[in-house]
C-alpha atoms as a PDB file:
ATOM      1  CA  MET A   1       7.409  17.804  33.915  1.00  0.00           C
ATOM      2  CA  ARG A   2       8.738  19.595  31.122  1.00  0.00           C
ATOM      3  CA  ARG A   3       7.100  22.546  29.858  1.00  0.00           C
ATOM      4  CA  GLY A   4       4.468  22.392  27.141  1.00  0.00           C
ATOM      5  CA  ALA A   5       3.690  18.600  28.543  1.00  0.00           C
ATOM      6  CA  THR A   6       0.628  17.702  30.108  1.00  0.00           C
ATOM      7  CA  ARG A   7      -0.750  15.282  32.638  1.00  0.00           C
ATOM      8  CA  PRO A   8      -4.057  13.355  30.525  1.00  0.00           C
ATOM      9  CA  TYR A   9      -5.543  12.431  33.813  1.00  0.00           C
ATOM     10  CA  GLU A  10      -5.809  15.780  35.179  1.00  0.00           C
ATOM     11  CA  SER A  11      -9.095  17.830  35.056  1.00  0.00           C
ATOM     12  CA  SER A  12     -11.162  20.292  37.897  1.00  0.00           C
ATOM     13  CA  THR A  13     -13.249  17.223  38.610  1.00  0.00           C
ATOM     14  CA  ALA A  14     -10.901  14.744  39.029  1.00  0.00           C
ATOM     15  CA  ASN A  15     -11.132  12.864  42.398  1.00  0.00           C
ATOM     16  CA  ARG A  16      -8.155  13.978  44.377  1.00  0.00           C
ATOM     17  CA  ASN A  17      -5.818  11.090  46.147  1.00  0.00           C
ATOM     18  CA  PRO A  18      -5.814  11.950  49.753  1.00  0.00           C
ATOM     19  CA  GLN A  19      -2.189  11.153  50.516  1.00  0.00           C
ATOM     20  CA  THR A  20      -0.939  13.159  47.858  1.00  0.00           C
ATOM     21  CA  GLY A  21      -3.376  15.644  47.011  1.00  0.00           C
ATOM     22  CA  ARG A  22      -3.138  14.927  43.212  1.00  0.00           C
ATOM     23  CA  PRO A  23      -5.510  13.919  41.129  1.00  0.00           C
ATOM     24  CA  ALA A  24      -6.295  10.098  41.021  1.00  0.00           C
ATOM     25  CA  PRO A  25      -5.391   8.393  37.594  1.00  0.00           C
ATOM     26  CA  MET A  26      -8.022   7.529  35.512  1.00  0.00           C
ATOM     27  CA  PRO A  27      -7.809   4.193  33.669  1.00  0.00           C
ATOM     28  CA  TYR A  28      -6.715   4.144  30.083  1.00  0.00           C
ATOM     29  CA  TYR A  29      -7.525   1.628  27.338  1.00  0.00           C
ATOM     30  CA  TYR A  30      -4.726   0.067  25.118  1.00  0.00           C
ATOM     31  CA  THR A  31      -4.762  -2.071  21.932  1.00  0.00           C
ATOM     32  CA  SER A  32      -2.553  -4.608  21.365  1.00  0.00           C
ATOM     33  CA  GLY A  33      -1.908  -7.903  18.752  1.00  0.00           C
ATOM     34  CA  PHE A  34       0.195  -9.462  21.680  1.00  0.00           C
ATOM     35  CA  VAL A  35      -1.289 -11.235  24.747  1.00  0.00           C
ATOM     36  CA  HIS A  36      -0.573  -9.361  28.029  1.00  0.00           C
ATOM     37  CA  HIS A  37      -1.942 -10.544  31.400  1.00  0.00           C
ATOM     38  CA  SER A  38      -2.712  -8.159  34.774  1.00  0.00           C
ATOM     39  CA  GLY A  39       0.252  -6.969  36.042  1.00  0.00           C
ATOM     40  CA  ASP A  40       2.606  -7.100  32.825  1.00  0.00           C
ATOM     41  CA  ILE A  41       4.491  -3.634  31.961  1.00  0.00           C
ATOM     42  CA  VAL A  42       4.486  -2.560  28.442  1.00  0.00           C
ATOM     43  CA  GLN A  43       7.231  -0.342  27.313  1.00  0.00           C
ATOM     44  CA  PRO A  44       6.703   2.836  25.191  1.00  0.00           C
ATOM     45  CA  GLY A  45       8.037   2.990  21.642  1.00  0.00           C
ATOM     46  CA  ASN A  46       6.368  -0.148  19.769  1.00  0.00           C
ATOM     47  CA  TRP A  47       4.547   1.668  17.062  1.00  0.00           C
ATOM     48  CA  GLY A  48       7.954   3.418  16.127  1.00  0.00           C
ATOM     49  CA  ARG A  49       9.721  -0.209  16.437  1.00  0.00           C
ATOM     50  CA  VAL A  50       6.441  -1.462  14.107  1.00  0.00           C
ATOM     51  CA  LEU A  51       7.075   1.718  11.369  1.00  0.00           C
ATOM     52  CA  ALA A  52      10.851   0.754  11.434  1.00  0.00           C
ATOM     53  CA  HIS A  53      10.305  -3.010   9.946  1.00  0.00           C
ATOM     54  CA  ALA A  54       7.416  -1.817   7.533  1.00  0.00           C
ATOM     55  CA  ALA A  55       7.339  -0.706   4.089  1.00  0.00           C
ATOM     56  CA  GLN A  56       8.754   2.722   3.793  1.00  0.00           C
ATOM     57  CA  SER A  57       6.452   4.387   1.053  1.00  0.00           C
ATOM     58  CA  SER A  58       3.111   3.855   3.389  1.00  0.00           C
ATOM     59  CA  ASN A  59       0.547   6.248   4.313  1.00  0.00           C
ATOM     60  CA  PRO A  60       1.707   5.429   7.643  1.00  0.00           C
ATOM     61  CA  HIS A  61       4.975   6.771   7.412  1.00  0.00           C
ATOM     62  CA  PHE A  62       4.192  10.066   5.509  1.00  0.00           C
ATOM     63  CA  LEU A  63       1.678  10.907   8.208  1.00  0.00           C
ATOM     64  CA  GLU A  64       4.148  10.045  11.050  1.00  0.00           C
ATOM     65  CA  TYR A  65       6.783  12.053   9.236  1.00  0.00           C
ATOM     66  CA  VAL A  66       4.354  15.311   9.035  1.00  0.00           C
ATOM     67  CA  LEU A  67       3.229  14.716  13.005  1.00  0.00           C
ATOM     68  CA  GLU A  68       6.994  14.633  13.582  1.00  0.00           C
ATOM     69  CA  TYR A  69       7.773  17.680  11.274  1.00  0.00           C
ATOM     70  CA  VAL A  70       5.081  19.555  13.100  1.00  0.00           C
ATOM     71  CA  ARG A  71       6.181  18.609  16.482  1.00  0.00           C
ATOM     72  CA  VAL A  72      10.062  19.516  16.160  1.00  0.00           C
ATOM     73  CA  HIS A  73       9.276  22.753  14.610  1.00  0.00           C
ATOM     74  CA  ASP A  74       6.207  23.935  16.537  1.00  0.00           C
ATOM     75  CA  TYR A  75       5.971  22.021  19.553  1.00  0.00           C
ATOM     76  CA  PRO A  76       9.183  20.701  20.498  1.00  0.00           C
ATOM     77  CA  ASP A  77       8.662  20.145  24.242  1.00  0.00           C
ATOM     78  CA  LYS A  78       5.607  17.555  22.928  1.00  0.00           C
ATOM     79  CA  PRO A  79       6.894  13.618  23.211  1.00  0.00           C
ATOM     80  CA  ARG A  80       7.917  12.160  19.933  1.00  0.00           C
ATOM     81  CA  ARG A  81       5.314   9.843  18.882  1.00  0.00           C
ATOM     82  CA  MET A  82       7.709   6.960  17.730  1.00  0.00           C
ATOM     83  CA  ASP A  83       9.135   6.795  21.332  1.00  0.00           C
ATOM     84  CA  CYS A  84       5.816   6.754  22.991  1.00  0.00           C
ATOM     85  CA  ASN A  85       3.113   4.646  24.040  1.00  0.00           C
ATOM     86  CA  PHE A  86      -0.545   5.447  23.038  1.00  0.00           C
ATOM     87  CA  VAL A  87      -3.884   4.942  24.743  1.00  0.00           C
ATOM     88  CA  PHE A  88      -7.369   5.958  24.396  1.00  0.00           C
ATOM     89  CA  GLU A  89      -9.260   7.910  27.184  1.00  0.00           C
ATOM     90  CA  GLU A  90     -12.538   5.777  26.801  1.00  0.00           C
ATOM     91  CA  GLU A  91     -13.032   2.130  26.723  1.00  0.00           C
ATOM     92  CA  GLU A  92     -15.874   2.373  23.708  1.00  0.00           C
ATOM     93  CA  GLN A  93     -13.481   4.214  21.374  1.00  0.00           C
ATOM     94  CA  ALA A  94     -10.517   1.585  21.913  1.00  0.00           C
ATOM     95  CA  LEU A  95     -13.433  -1.334  21.462  1.00  0.00           C
ATOM     96  CA  ASN A  96     -14.070   0.491  18.184  1.00  0.00           C
ATOM     97  CA  TRP A  97     -10.744   1.050  17.132  1.00  0.00           C
ATOM     98  CA  ASN A  98     -10.770  -0.340  13.306  1.00  0.00           C
ATOM     99  CA  ARG A  99      -7.076  -1.261  13.024  1.00  0.00           C
ATOM    100  CA  LEU A 100      -7.349  -4.343  11.134  1.00  0.00           C
ATOM    101  CA  SER A 101      -3.847  -5.950  10.151  1.00  0.00           C
ATOM    102  CA  GLY A 102      -4.940  -9.134   7.533  1.00  0.00           C
ATOM    103  CA  GLY A 103      -8.283  -9.434   9.321  1.00  0.00           C
ATOM    104  CA  TRP A 104      -7.338  -9.204  12.693  1.00  0.00           C
ATOM    105  CA  ARG A 105      -8.622  -7.233  15.730  1.00  0.00           C
ATOM    106  CA  GLU A 106      -6.398  -6.507  18.505  1.00  0.00           C
ATOM    107  CA  HIS A 107      -6.836  -7.285  22.325  1.00  0.00           C
ATOM    108  CA  VAL A 108      -8.161  -4.541  24.125  1.00  0.00           C
ATOM    109  CA  TYR A 109      -6.650  -3.801  27.556  1.00  0.00           C
ATOM    110  CA  GLU A 110      -7.531  -1.489  30.800  1.00  0.00           C
ATOM    111  CA  VAL A 111      -4.137   0.056  31.833  1.00  0.00           C
ATOM    112  CA  GLY A 112      -2.655   2.894  33.953  1.00  0.00           C
ATOM    113  CA  LEU A 113       0.492   4.548  33.205  1.00  0.00           C
ATOM    114  CA  THR A 114       3.523   4.048  35.651  1.00  0.00           C
ATOM    115  CA  ASP A 115       4.774   7.181  35.521  1.00  0.00           C
ATOM    116  CA  ASP A 116       2.646   9.845  36.198  1.00  0.00           C
ATOM    117  CA  ASP A 117       4.918  12.771  35.498  1.00  0.00           C
ATOM    118  CA  ALA A 118       6.329  11.354  31.985  1.00  0.00           C
ATOM    119  CA  ASN A 119       6.031  13.584  29.300  1.00  0.00           C
ATOM    120  CA  SER A 120       2.925  12.952  27.547  1.00  0.00           C
ATOM    121  CA  HIS A 121       0.285  14.879  24.845  1.00  0.00           C
ATOM    122  CA  ARG A 122      -3.230  14.436  24.548  1.00  0.00           C
ATOM    123  CA  GLY A 123      -4.700  14.437  21.226  1.00  0.00           C
ATOM    124  CA  ASN A 124      -7.806  14.031  19.163  1.00  0.00           C
ATOM    125  CA  PHE A 125      -6.985  10.644  16.908  1.00  0.00           C
ATOM    126  CA  ALA A 126     -10.086  11.530  14.732  1.00  0.00           C
ATOM    127  CA  ILE A 127      -7.991  14.001  13.419  1.00  0.00           C
ATOM    128  CA  ILE A 128      -5.442  12.066  11.946  1.00  0.00           C
ATOM    129  CA  GLU A 129      -7.234   8.903  11.646  1.00  0.00           C
ATOM    130  CA  ASN A 130      -7.723   7.891   7.949  1.00  0.00           C
ATOM    131  CA  VAL A 131      -5.731  10.479   6.126  1.00  0.00           C
ATOM    132  CA  SER A 132      -4.009   9.996   2.892  1.00  0.00           C
ATOM    133  CA  GLY A 133      -1.513  11.319   1.059  1.00  0.00           C
ATOM    134  CA  ASP A 134      -3.687  12.476  -1.362  1.00  0.00           C
ATOM    135  CA  GLN A 135      -4.601  16.153   0.591  1.00  0.00           C
ATOM    136  CA  GLY A 136      -0.894  17.041   0.078  1.00  0.00           C
ATOM    137  CA  PHE A 137       1.619  18.180   2.582  1.00  0.00           C
ATOM    138  CA  GLY A 138      -0.492  21.145   3.461  1.00  0.00           C
ATOM    139  CA  GLY A 139      -3.806  19.507   4.121  1.00  0.00           C
ATOM    140  CA  LEU A 140      -1.859  16.992   6.402  1.00  0.00           C
ATOM    141  CA  LYS A 141       0.463  19.851   8.173  1.00  0.00           C
ATOM    142  CA  ARG A 142      -2.867  21.607   9.093  1.00  0.00           C
ATOM    143  CA  ARG A 143      -4.098  18.235  10.587  1.00  0.00           C
ATOM    144  CA  ALA A 144      -1.067  17.577  12.390  1.00  0.00           C
ATOM    145  CA  GLU A 145      -0.914  21.052  13.843  1.00  0.00           C
ATOM    146  CA  ASN A 146      -4.468  20.361  15.082  1.00  0.00           C
ATOM    147  CA  TYR A 147      -3.631  17.319  16.439  1.00  0.00           C
ATOM    148  CA  TRP A 148      -0.829  18.969  18.347  1.00  0.00           C
ATOM    149  CA  LEU A 149      -2.896  21.778  19.765  1.00  0.00           C
ATOM    150  CA  GLY A 150      -5.566  19.334  21.003  1.00  0.00           C
ATOM    151  CA  ASP A 151      -7.910  20.379  18.644  1.00  0.00           C
ATOM    152  CA  THR A 152     -11.539  18.425  18.919  1.00  0.00           C
ATOM    153  CA  GLY A 153     -11.771  18.927  14.997  1.00  0.00           C
ATOM    154  CA  GLN A 154     -15.079  18.081  13.077  1.00  0.00           C
ATOM    155  CA  GLU A 155     -15.122  14.651  13.070  1.00  0.00           C
ATOM    156  CA  GLY A 156     -15.761  14.745  16.984  1.00  0.00           C
ATOM    157  CA  ALA A 157     -13.199  13.840  19.216  1.00  0.00           C
ATOM    158  CA  VAL A 158     -11.586  10.348  19.960  1.00  0.00           C
ATOM    159  CA  TRP A 159      -8.917  11.579  22.613  1.00  0.00           C
ATOM    160  CA  GLU A 160      -5.414   9.320  22.646  1.00  0.00           C
ATOM    161  CA  ILE A 161      -2.791   9.759  25.278  1.00  0.00           C
ATOM    162  CA  VAL A 162       0.722   9.601  23.754  1.00  0.00           C
ATOM    163  CA  SER A 163       3.013   9.244  26.434  1.00  0.00           C
ATOM    164  CA  LEU A 164       6.746   8.328  27.541  1.00  0.00           C
ATOM    165  CA  SER A 165       5.468   6.020  30.414  1.00  0.00           C
ATOM    166  CA  GLN A 166       5.715   2.259  30.594  1.00  0.00           C
ATOM    167  CA  LEU A 167       1.862   0.785  30.993  1.00  0.00           C
ATOM    168  CA  GLN A 168       0.772  -1.488  33.525  1.00  0.00           C
ATOM    169  CA  ILE A 169      -1.756  -4.010  32.374  1.00  0.00           C
ATOM    170  CA  THR A 170      -4.952  -3.926  34.537  1.00  0.00           C
ATOM    171  CA  CYS A 171      -7.163  -6.409  32.566  1.00  0.00           C
ATOM    172  CA  ARG A 172      -7.911  -7.536  29.386  1.00  0.00           C
ATOM    173  CA  ILE A 173     -11.152  -6.258  28.143  1.00  0.00           C
ATOM    174  CA  ARG A 174     -11.627  -8.059  24.674  1.00  0.00           C
ATOM    175  CA  ASP A 175      -9.763 -10.842  23.251  1.00  0.00           C
ATOM    176  CA  ALA A 176      -8.440 -10.365  19.843  1.00  0.00           C
ATOM    177  CA  GLN A 177     -10.797 -11.291  16.978  1.00  0.00           C
ATOM    178  CA  VAL A 178     -10.539 -12.561  13.698  1.00  0.00           C
ATOM    179  CA  ILE A 179     -12.682 -10.625  11.012  1.00  0.00           C
ATOM    180  CA  LEU A 180     -13.778 -12.370   7.661  1.00  0.00           C
ATOM    181  CA  PRO A 181     -15.446 -10.234   4.748  1.00  0.00           C
ATOM    182  CA  ASP A 182     -19.122 -10.912   4.298  1.00  0.00           C
ATOM    183  CA  GLU A 183     -18.104 -12.945   1.010  1.00  0.00           C
ATOM    184  CA  LEU A 184     -16.564 -15.660   3.440  1.00  0.00           C
ATOM    185  CA  ILE A 185     -18.945 -16.099   5.862  1.00  0.00           C
ATOM    186  CA  PRO A 186     -21.262 -19.230   5.347  1.00  0.00           C
ATOM    187  CA  ASP A 187     -25.037 -18.136   4.782  1.00  0.00           C
ATOM    188  CA  GLY A 188     -27.174 -18.793   7.894  1.00  0.00           C
ATOM    189  CA  LEU A 189     -24.425 -17.532  10.061  1.00  0.00           C
END
């Protein structure tokens, strides 16, 4: 494992694998618009591929630019987010993830990392969620620094793991949902 990288599942209270003595990996929670089945392998880098095909002037581009700027200059041993898979540590946080695209909420899966030694980072997603360019570069840069430090932030922690590891689907927890605005829902429903 490279210097500065962390194994996201390690903790002082983790169960140990009796054969290896290493901490037993914990399950993680992954959201995706794609249908996956138990045993499927998810390659890292999907977010990077999505952004490569999206409008270049969007808030996600600006935020990712600032995160990458801080990573390259201050945390070069951390993995590049555009090359990673993203998972939540807590099932509830994945279920509450409100990324809606055209009124669509994604599938939620329980997953495991296929490579425990892959370069990974544990960051507080709450620090960088729902940011806008009106905070200016300085405000976003401070948030990015706190994200790469693993700061809990004032918003409370929503821990995400960004990892160069592939993911293996364990099971689907929630199917994707279509979310309608209240004005489109008929009375009485």
